[in-house]
Protein backbone atom coordinates (compact mmCIF):
# COMPACT_ATOMS: atom_id res chain seq x y z
CA MET A 1 -4.86 -20.86 29.25
CA ASN A 2 -2.20 -20.02 26.68
CA ARG A 3 -0.12 -16.87 26.72
CA ASP A 4 -2.30 -15.07 24.17
CA THR A 5 -5.38 -15.52 26.38
CA VAL A 6 -3.48 -14.34 29.45
CA LEU A 7 -2.20 -11.32 27.51
CA PHE A 8 -5.70 -10.44 26.31
CA LEU A 9 -7.28 -10.73 29.76
CA GLY A 10 -4.44 -8.80 31.38
CA PHE A 11 -4.75 -6.07 28.77
CA ILE A 12 -8.50 -5.74 29.32
CA LEU A 13 -8.06 -5.70 33.11
CA PHE A 14 -5.34 -3.06 32.82
CA LEU A 15 -7.53 -0.83 30.65
CA VAL A 16 -10.53 -1.21 32.98
CA LEU A 17 -8.51 -0.32 36.08
CA VAL A 18 -6.64 2.62 34.54
CA ASN A 19 -9.67 4.10 32.78
CA GLY A 20 -11.82 3.62 35.85
CA PHE A 21 -9.27 5.48 37.96
CA LEU A 22 -9.01 8.28 35.38
CA LEU A 23 -12.79 8.66 35.22
CA ILE A 24 -13.13 8.69 39.02
CA THR A 25 -10.41 11.30 39.48
CA GLY A 26 -11.78 13.48 36.68
CA ALA A 27 -8.75 13.16 34.41
CA LEU A 28 -11.13 11.85 31.75
CA THR A 29 -14.65 13.10 31.19
CA ALA A 30 -17.54 10.65 30.89
CA ASN A 31 -18.67 11.83 27.45
CA TRP A 32 -18.01 11.03 23.80
CA GLU A 33 -14.70 12.85 23.86
CA GLY A 34 -13.49 10.80 26.81
CA LEU A 35 -14.70 7.60 25.13
CA GLY A 36 -12.73 8.53 22.02
CA VAL A 37 -9.56 9.03 24.08
CA ILE A 38 -10.07 5.65 25.79
CA VAL A 39 -10.60 3.83 22.50
CA ALA A 40 -7.61 5.56 20.88
CA ALA A 41 -5.38 4.71 23.85
CA GLY A 42 -6.51 1.08 23.81
CA LEU A 43 -5.85 0.70 20.09
CA THR A 44 -2.46 2.41 20.44
CA LEU A 45 -1.39 0.02 23.20
CA ALA A 46 -2.76 -2.92 21.19
CA LEU A 47 -0.57 -1.89 18.24
CA TYR A 48 2.43 -1.50 20.54
CA SER A 49 1.89 -5.07 21.76
CA PHE A 50 3.53 -6.19 18.52
CA LEU A 51 6.84 -5.30 20.20
CA TYR A 52 6.20 -8.34 22.38
CA ARG A 53 5.22 -10.57 19.46
CA ASP A 54 2.44 -11.03 16.92
CA ASN A 55 -0.73 -11.56 18.92
CA PRO A 56 -4.55 -11.29 18.60
CA LEU A 57 -4.55 -7.79 20.15
CA PHE A 58 -2.29 -6.46 17.45
CA LYS A 59 -4.25 -8.23 14.71
CA PHE A 60 -7.53 -6.79 16.02
CA ALA A 61 -6.17 -3.23 16.10
CA GLU A 62 -4.58 -3.71 12.67
CA HIS A 63 -7.85 -4.93 11.15
CA VAL A 64 -9.75 -2.04 12.73
CA TYR A 65 -7.28 0.48 11.34
CA VAL A 66 -7.33 -1.04 7.85
CA GLY A 67 -11.14 -1.25 7.86
CA ILE A 68 -11.58 2.37 8.96
CA ALA A 69 -9.01 3.56 6.41
CA ALA A 70 -10.77 1.60 3.64
CA GLY A 71 -14.18 2.99 4.67
CA TYR A 72 -12.82 6.54 4.81
CA THR A 73 -11.18 6.14 1.39
CA PHE A 74 -14.42 4.80 -0.09
CA GLY A 75 -16.31 7.75 1.33
CA GLN A 76 -13.80 10.18 -0.17
CA VAL A 77 -14.14 8.48 -3.56
CA TRP A 78 -17.93 8.07 -3.45
CA TYR A 79 -19.15 11.54 -2.48
CA PRO A 80 -16.83 13.86 -4.47
CA THR A 81 -16.34 11.60 -7.53
CA LEU A 82 -18.86 8.83 -8.09
CA TYR A 83 -21.90 10.56 -6.59
CA GLY A 84 -20.80 14.18 -6.83
CA GLU A 85 -19.71 14.11 -10.47
CA ILE A 86 -21.14 11.05 -12.24
CA ILE A 87 -24.51 10.27 -10.65
CA ILE A 88 -25.60 13.87 -10.09
CA THR A 89 -24.49 14.88 -13.58
CA PHE A 90 -25.92 12.02 -15.64
CA PHE A 91 -29.16 11.65 -13.69
CA GLY A 92 -29.98 15.35 -13.83
CA LEU A 93 -29.76 15.93 -10.08
CA ASP A 94 -27.69 19.06 -10.53
CA ALA A 95 -29.56 22.32 -10.02
CA SER A 96 -28.02 23.84 -13.14
CA GLY A 97 -29.31 21.01 -15.32
CA THR A 98 -26.16 21.02 -17.48
CA ILE A 99 -24.36 17.80 -18.34
CA ASP A 100 -20.59 17.64 -18.78
CA TRP A 101 -20.36 15.11 -21.59
CA TRP A 102 -16.58 14.83 -21.17
CA LEU A 103 -17.25 12.77 -18.03
CA ILE A 104 -18.35 9.91 -20.26
CA VAL A 105 -14.71 9.16 -21.16
CA PRO A 106 -13.34 8.62 -17.59
CA THR A 107 -16.58 6.86 -16.64
CA LEU A 108 -16.18 4.35 -19.47
CA LEU A 109 -12.51 3.83 -18.59
CA GLY A 110 -13.50 3.15 -14.98
CA LEU A 111 -16.15 0.64 -16.09
CA LEU A 112 -13.58 -1.07 -18.32
CA MET A 113 -11.38 -1.57 -15.27
CA LEU A 114 -14.18 -3.52 -13.60
CA THR A 115 -14.05 -6.10 -16.37
CA ARG A 116 -10.79 -7.25 -14.81
CA PHE A 117 -12.86 -9.35 -12.39
CA SER A 118 -13.99 -11.53 -15.31
CA ARG A 119 -11.61 -14.17 -16.66
CA ARG A 120 -13.36 -14.33 -20.00
CA PHE A 121 -14.10 -10.67 -20.62
CA GLY A 122 -11.17 -9.14 -18.75
CA TRP A 123 -9.23 -8.01 -21.81
CA PRO A 124 -10.95 -4.55 -22.13
CA SER A 125 -9.46 -3.61 -18.77
CA ARG A 126 -6.06 -3.48 -20.46
CA ILE A 127 -7.21 -0.45 -22.46
CA ALA A 128 -8.07 1.48 -19.30
CA PHE A 129 -4.89 0.41 -17.49
CA ALA A 130 -2.74 1.33 -20.49
CA PHE A 131 -4.38 4.76 -20.69
CA PHE A 132 -3.92 5.54 -17.00
CA VAL A 133 -0.36 4.18 -16.87
CA GLY A 134 0.59 6.23 -19.94
CA LEU A 135 -1.13 9.33 -18.57
CA GLY A 136 0.53 8.90 -15.19
CA ALA A 137 3.93 8.42 -16.80
CA GLY A 138 3.38 11.50 -18.95
CA PHE A 139 2.63 13.61 -15.87
CA SER A 140 5.26 12.14 -13.54
CA ILE A 141 8.32 11.81 -15.80
CA PRO A 142 8.72 15.55 -16.58
CA ARG A 143 8.18 16.44 -12.92
CA THR A 144 10.69 13.81 -11.80
CA ILE A 145 13.25 15.02 -14.33
CA SER A 146 12.73 18.62 -13.21
CA ALA A 147 12.81 17.85 -9.48
CA ALA A 148 15.63 15.27 -9.44
CA LEU A 149 17.78 15.39 -12.57
CA LEU A 150 17.71 19.07 -13.53
CA ALA A 151 17.82 20.19 -9.90
CA GLN A 152 20.95 18.05 -9.45
CA ILE A 153 22.60 19.36 -12.64
CA GLU A 154 21.92 23.02 -11.89
CA PRO A 155 24.41 23.38 -8.96
CA THR A 156 27.17 21.80 -11.07
CA LEU A 157 26.82 24.58 -13.67
CA LYS A 158 27.12 27.51 -11.26
CA PRO A 159 30.45 29.37 -11.09
CA LEU A 160 32.78 28.53 -8.21
CA SER A 161 34.02 31.17 -5.80
CA TRP A 162 36.28 31.49 -2.75
CA SER A 163 33.45 31.27 -0.24
CA LEU A 164 31.43 28.72 1.69
CA GLU A 165 28.88 28.66 -1.10
CA GLY A 166 31.67 28.01 -3.60
CA LEU A 167 32.99 25.17 -1.43
CA ASN A 168 29.52 23.70 -1.27
CA LEU A 169 29.20 23.87 -5.07
CA LEU A 170 32.63 22.25 -5.43
CA ILE A 171 31.62 19.35 -3.18
CA ILE A 172 28.40 18.88 -5.16
CA LEU A 173 30.35 18.93 -8.43
CA ILE A 174 32.86 16.34 -7.18
CA GLY A 175 30.05 14.17 -5.84
CA VAL A 176 28.04 14.22 -9.08
CA VAL A 177 31.06 13.51 -11.28
CA THR A 178 32.49 10.71 -9.12
CA VAL A 179 29.12 9.00 -8.70
CA LEU A 180 28.59 9.09 -12.47
CA ILE A 181 32.07 7.59 -12.92
CA TYR A 182 31.19 4.83 -10.43
CA PHE A 183 28.16 3.85 -12.54
CA PHE A 184 30.17 3.98 -15.78
CA PHE A 185 30.88 0.27 -16.21
CA SER A 186 32.16 0.40 -19.80
CA VAL A 187 35.75 0.93 -18.61
CA GLU A 188 37.81 -0.87 -15.99
CA HIS A 189 37.85 0.91 -12.63
CA THR A 190 41.60 1.15 -12.19
CA GLY A 191 43.97 4.05 -11.73
CA ALA A 192 42.32 7.48 -11.73
CA ILE A 193 38.95 5.98 -12.71
CA GLY A 194 39.15 3.57 -9.76
CA THR A 195 40.03 6.38 -7.35
CA ALA A 196 37.15 8.51 -8.60
CA SER A 197 34.73 5.56 -8.32
CA ARG A 198 35.83 4.95 -4.72
CA VAL A 199 35.16 8.63 -3.94
CA GLY A 200 31.75 8.18 -5.57
CA ILE A 201 31.09 5.23 -3.25
CA TRP A 202 31.74 7.50 -0.25
CA PHE A 203 29.26 10.04 -1.58
CA LEU A 204 26.69 7.29 -2.15
CA MET A 205 27.13 5.97 1.38
CA VAL A 206 26.72 9.45 2.87
CA SER A 207 23.58 10.00 0.77
CA PHE A 208 22.08 6.63 1.75
CA GLY A 209 22.94 7.23 5.40
CA ALA A 210 21.32 10.66 5.38
CA SER A 211 18.18 9.24 3.72
CA PHE A 212 18.05 6.42 6.24
CA GLY A 213 18.49 8.83 9.14
CA TYR A 214 15.73 11.06 7.78
CA THR A 215 13.41 8.04 7.56
CA ILE A 216 14.23 6.99 11.12
CA MET A 217 13.60 10.49 12.47
CA ALA A 218 10.27 10.63 10.62
CA ARG A 219 9.23 7.35 12.26
CA LEU A 220 10.45 8.57 15.65
CA SER A 221 8.34 11.71 15.30
CA LEU A 222 5.26 9.49 14.90
CA LEU A 223 6.33 7.45 17.92
CA ILE A 224 6.85 10.58 20.02
CA GLY A 225 3.42 11.83 18.97
CA ARG A 226 1.69 8.64 20.10
CA VAL A 227 3.64 8.47 23.36
CA GLY A 228 2.76 12.11 24.00
CA PHE A 229 -0.91 11.27 23.41
CA LEU A 230 -0.78 8.41 25.93
CA LEU A 231 0.98 10.45 28.60
CA GLU A 232 -0.82 13.77 28.18
CA ASP A 233 -4.24 13.20 26.60
CA TRP A 234 -4.94 9.82 28.20
CA LEU A 235 -3.06 9.73 31.52
CA ASN A 236 -3.18 13.55 31.84
CA LEU A 237 0.48 13.80 32.82
CA ASN A 238 1.75 17.27 31.92
CA LEU A 239 5.38 16.37 31.34
CA PRO A 240 7.84 18.97 30.01
CA LEU A 241 9.23 16.41 27.52
CA PHE A 242 6.20 16.71 25.26
């Protein structure tokens, strides 16, 4: 037997022994809730097996997760949108009996997207994609400008004062100006321009480091949540750490 087979059999034996012990001692209840905890714990450990290396256990859990997510997404699209708005409206299944004729436009655009699967008649899909890309850009660009650009410019326009808030505004002002100078490549970065660009590099590194640390902490929070599930909900260990 290869190592993948040994890993699979050992994993199954481990789950059988641990879950059997938990069921006998009453830590898990022999009902649908207990079965859900067992399945969730098994899939969680199967996903963690990727820390060892890529193996069939991880691939199985990954495929199950992707399949369930795809099925859930299809259900969320089918009932509220396709069935709830289009089929009920156009087939007269609504109790009110009124038809919203404006739904014809998004319905036709959605049908045009399906022509993408045809090599010969796939060109109408470009109309739908162009419409949705333009509409999405029209909605997202003003919000991005307001949330990122204008929100960054606003602190640089506030008056400075001899206080902690004034010091904070001064640091923001220096950071914005020096970073803009760093990205101004039309002049040679020497002398005062070079010094300002080097200060801008420091601000960029601090910003990237803070963003990276925030991402790591977000991932660690997910890890802590799953470890807490294994120790408390599955093994029923009431540890003060979680």
